[in-house]
Amino acid sequence: MESGCSPWWLDSAVFVQAIVLGAGYMFTAHSRSYLWH
């Protein structure tokens, strides 16, 4: 199952971006709930 030639740095960038977005979303959610309370 080959999905073409995708460099390792591309997959790594996508993985890191996903984690950063997830962490940022959770941080924003907690910050909003904390500020609202």
PDB file of N, CA and C in Angstrom:
ATOM      1  N   MET A   1       0.867  -1.203   0.000  1.00  0.00           N
ATOM      2  CA  MET A   1       0.000   0.000   0.000  1.00  0.00           C
ATOM      3  C   MET A   1       0.890   1.235   0.000  1.00  0.00           C
ATOM      4  N   GLU A   2       1.252   1.681  -1.187  1.00  0.00           N
ATOM      5  CA  GLU A   2       2.137   2.843  -1.290  1.00  0.00           C
ATOM      6  C   GLU A   2       1.313   4.100  -1.590  1.00  0.00           C
ATOM      7  N   SER A   3       1.531   5.131  -0.815  1.00  0.00           N
ATOM      8  CA  SER A   3       0.779   6.377  -1.001  1.00  0.00           C
ATOM      9  C   SER A   3       1.660   7.439  -1.657  1.00  0.00           C
ATOM     10  N   GLY A   4       2.513   6.996  -2.587  1.00  0.00           N
ATOM     11  CA  GLY A   4       3.393   7.959  -3.248  1.00  0.00           C
ATOM     12  C   GLY A   4       4.644   8.230  -2.432  1.00  0.00           C
ATOM     13  N   CYS A   5       5.442   9.209  -2.902  1.00  0.00           N
ATOM     14  CA  CYS A   5       6.684   9.531  -2.203  1.00  0.00           C
ATOM     15  C   CYS A   5       6.453  10.717  -1.277  1.00  0.00           C
ATOM     16  N   SER A   6       6.176  10.432  -0.024  1.00  0.00           N
ATOM     17  CA  SER A   6       5.977  11.514   0.946  1.00  0.00           C
ATOM     18  C   SER A   6       7.168  11.529   1.894  1.00  0.00           C
ATOM     19  N   PRO A   7       7.954  12.583   1.911  1.00  0.00           N
ATOM     20  CA  PRO A   7       9.135  12.674   2.782  1.00  0.00           C
ATOM     21  C   PRO A   7       8.756  12.544   4.254  1.00  0.00           C
ATOM     22  N   TRP A   8       9.701  12.100   5.041  1.00  0.00           N
ATOM     23  CA  TRP A   8       9.439  11.928   6.469  1.00  0.00           C
ATOM     24  C   TRP A   8       9.130  13.266   7.147  1.00  0.00           C
ATOM     25  N   TRP A   9       9.764  14.342   6.667  1.00  0.00           N
ATOM     26  CA  TRP A   9       9.530  15.638   7.317  1.00  0.00           C
ATOM     27  C   TRP A   9       8.105  16.114   7.077  1.00  0.00           C
ATOM     28  N   LEU A  10       7.498  15.668   5.966  1.00  0.00           N
ATOM     29  CA  LEU A  10       6.115  16.077   5.711  1.00  0.00           C
ATOM     30  C   LEU A  10       5.190  15.414   6.724  1.00  0.00           C
ATOM     31  N   ASP A  11       5.361  14.093   6.914  1.00  0.00           N
ATOM     32  CA  ASP A  11       4.529  13.396   7.891  1.00  0.00           C
ATOM     33  C   ASP A  11       4.781  13.950   9.293  1.00  0.00           C
ATOM     34  N   SER A  12       6.035  14.223   9.600  1.00  0.00           N
ATOM     35  CA  SER A  12       6.377  14.748  10.918  1.00  0.00           C
ATOM     36  C   SER A  12       5.716  16.108  11.130  1.00  0.00           C
ATOM     37  N   ALA A  13       5.748  16.954  10.103  1.00  0.00           N
ATOM     38  CA  ALA A  13       5.151  18.289  10.215  1.00  0.00           C
ATOM     39  C   ALA A  13       3.652  18.172  10.455  1.00  0.00           C
ATOM     40  N   VAL A  14       3.007  17.274   9.726  1.00  0.00           N
ATOM     41  CA  VAL A  14       1.558  17.097   9.897  1.00  0.00           C
ATOM     42  C   VAL A  14       1.259  16.585  11.299  1.00  0.00           C
ATOM     43  N   PHE A  15       2.068  15.640  11.773  1.00  0.00           N
ATOM     44  CA  PHE A  15       1.872  15.075  13.110  1.00  0.00           C
ATOM     45  C   PHE A  15       2.044  16.152  14.175  1.00  0.00           C
ATOM     46  N   VAL A  16       3.112  16.933  14.054  1.00  0.00           N
ATOM     47  CA  VAL A  16       3.373  18.001  15.032  1.00  0.00           C
ATOM     48  C   VAL A  16       2.268  19.051  14.972  1.00  0.00           C
ATOM     49  N   GLN A  17       1.839  19.396  13.763  1.00  0.00           N
ATOM     50  CA  GLN A  17       0.786  20.407  13.618  1.00  0.00           C
ATOM     51  C   GLN A  17      -0.501  19.925  14.274  1.00  0.00           C
ATOM     52  N   ALA A  18      -0.807  18.641  14.097  1.00  0.00           N
ATOM     53  CA  ALA A  18      -2.024  18.092  14.703  1.00  0.00           C
ATOM     54  C   ALA A  18      -1.949  18.188  16.226  1.00  0.00           C
ATOM     55  N   ILE A  19      -0.787  17.857  16.787  1.00  0.00           N
ATOM     56  CA  ILE A  19      -0.621  17.917  18.242  1.00  0.00           C
ATOM     57  C   ILE A  19      -0.711  19.368  18.725  1.00  0.00           C
ATOM     58  N   VAL A  20      -0.078  20.274  17.996  1.00  0.00           N
ATOM     59  CA  VAL A  20      -0.098  21.684  18.388  1.00  0.00           C
ATOM     60  C   VAL A  20      -1.524  22.225  18.351  1.00  0.00           C
ATOM     61  N   LEU A  21      -2.257  21.875  17.280  1.00  0.00           N
ATOM     62  CA  LEU A  21      -3.638  22.347  17.170  1.00  0.00           C
ATOM     63  C   LEU A  21      -4.482  21.763  18.300  1.00  0.00           C
ATOM     64  N   GLY A  22      -4.281  20.482  18.589  1.00  0.00           N
ATOM     65  CA  GLY A  22      -5.050  19.843  19.651  1.00  0.00           C
ATOM     66  C   GLY A  22      -4.732  20.473  21.004  1.00  0.00           C
ATOM     67  N   ALA A  23      -3.452  20.679  21.271  1.00  0.00           N
ATOM     68  CA  ALA A  23      -3.048  21.282  22.543  1.00  0.00           C
ATOM     69  C   ALA A  23      -3.577  22.708  22.644  1.00  0.00           C
ATOM     70  N   GLY A  24      -3.482  23.446  21.553  1.00  0.00           N
ATOM     71  CA  GLY A  24      -3.972  24.825  21.550  1.00  0.00           C
ATOM     72  C   GLY A  24      -5.475  24.868  21.781  1.00  0.00           C
ATOM     73  N   TYR A  25      -6.195  23.913  21.166  1.00  0.00           N
ATOM     74  CA  TYR A  25      -7.645  23.881  21.352  1.00  0.00           C
ATOM     75  C   TYR A  25      -7.994  23.592  22.805  1.00  0.00           C
ATOM     76  N   MET A  26      -7.318  22.610  23.390  1.00  0.00           N
ATOM     77  CA  MET A  26      -7.586  22.259  24.784  1.00  0.00           C
ATOM     78  C   MET A  26      -7.209  23.419  25.698  1.00  0.00           C
ATOM     79  N   PHE A  27      -6.071  24.056  25.420  1.00  0.00           N
ATOM     80  CA  PHE A  27      -5.634  25.179  26.246  1.00  0.00           C
ATOM     81  C   PHE A  27      -6.644  26.323  26.176  1.00  0.00           C
ATOM     82  N   THR A  28      -7.136  26.594  24.954  1.00  0.00           N
ATOM     83  CA  THR A  28      -8.123  27.670  24.784  1.00  0.00           C
ATOM     84  C   THR A  28      -9.410  27.328  25.515  1.00  0.00           C
ATOM     85  N   ALA A  29      -9.832  26.078  25.424  1.00  0.00           N
ATOM     86  CA  ALA A  29     -11.075  25.660  26.089  1.00  0.00           C
ATOM     87  C   ALA A  29     -10.932  25.822  27.604  1.00  0.00           C
ATOM     88  N   HIS A  30      -9.810  25.357  28.164  1.00  0.00           N
ATOM     89  CA  HIS A  30      -9.601  25.472  29.606  1.00  0.00           C
ATOM     90  C   HIS A  30      -9.499  26.935  30.012  1.00  0.00           C
ATOM     91  N   SER A  31      -8.834  27.741  29.198  1.00  0.00           N
ATOM     92  CA  SER A  31      -8.685  29.156  29.525  1.00  0.00           C
ATOM     93  C   SER A  31     -10.048  29.835  29.527  1.00  0.00           C
ATOM     94  N   ARG A  32     -10.878  29.519  28.534  1.00  0.00           N
ATOM     95  CA  ARG A  32     -12.200  30.140  28.465  1.00  0.00           C
ATOM     96  C   ARG A  32     -13.037  29.744  29.667  1.00  0.00           C
ATOM     97  N   SER A  33     -13.025  28.446  29.993  1.00  0.00           N
ATOM     98  CA  SER A  33     -13.834  27.981  31.124  1.00  0.00           C
ATOM     99  C   SER A  33     -13.327  28.629  32.420  1.00  0.00           C
ATOM    100  N   TYR A  34     -12.011  28.766  32.546  1.00  0.00           N
ATOM    101  CA  TYR A  34     -11.442  29.371  33.754  1.00  0.00           C
ATOM    102  C   TYR A  34     -11.814  30.846  33.834  1.00  0.00           C
ATOM    103  N   LEU A  35     -11.738  31.542  32.700  1.00  0.00           N
ATOM    104  CA  LEU A  35     -12.059  32.974  32.707  1.00  0.00           C
ATOM    105  C   LEU A  35     -13.550  33.189  32.956  1.00  0.00           C
ATOM    106  N   TRP A  36     -14.375  32.346  32.347  1.00  0.00           N
ATOM    107  CA  TRP A  36     -15.826  32.505  32.531  1.00  0.00           C
ATOM    108  C   TRP A  36     -16.211  32.212  33.974  1.00  0.00           C
ATOM    109  N   HIS A  37     -15.480  31.310  34.635  1.00  0.00           N
ATOM    110  CA  HIS A  37     -15.792  31.005  36.027  1.00  0.00           C
ATOM    111  C   HIS A  37     -15.041  31.991  36.933  1.00  0.00           C
TER     112      HIS A  37
END
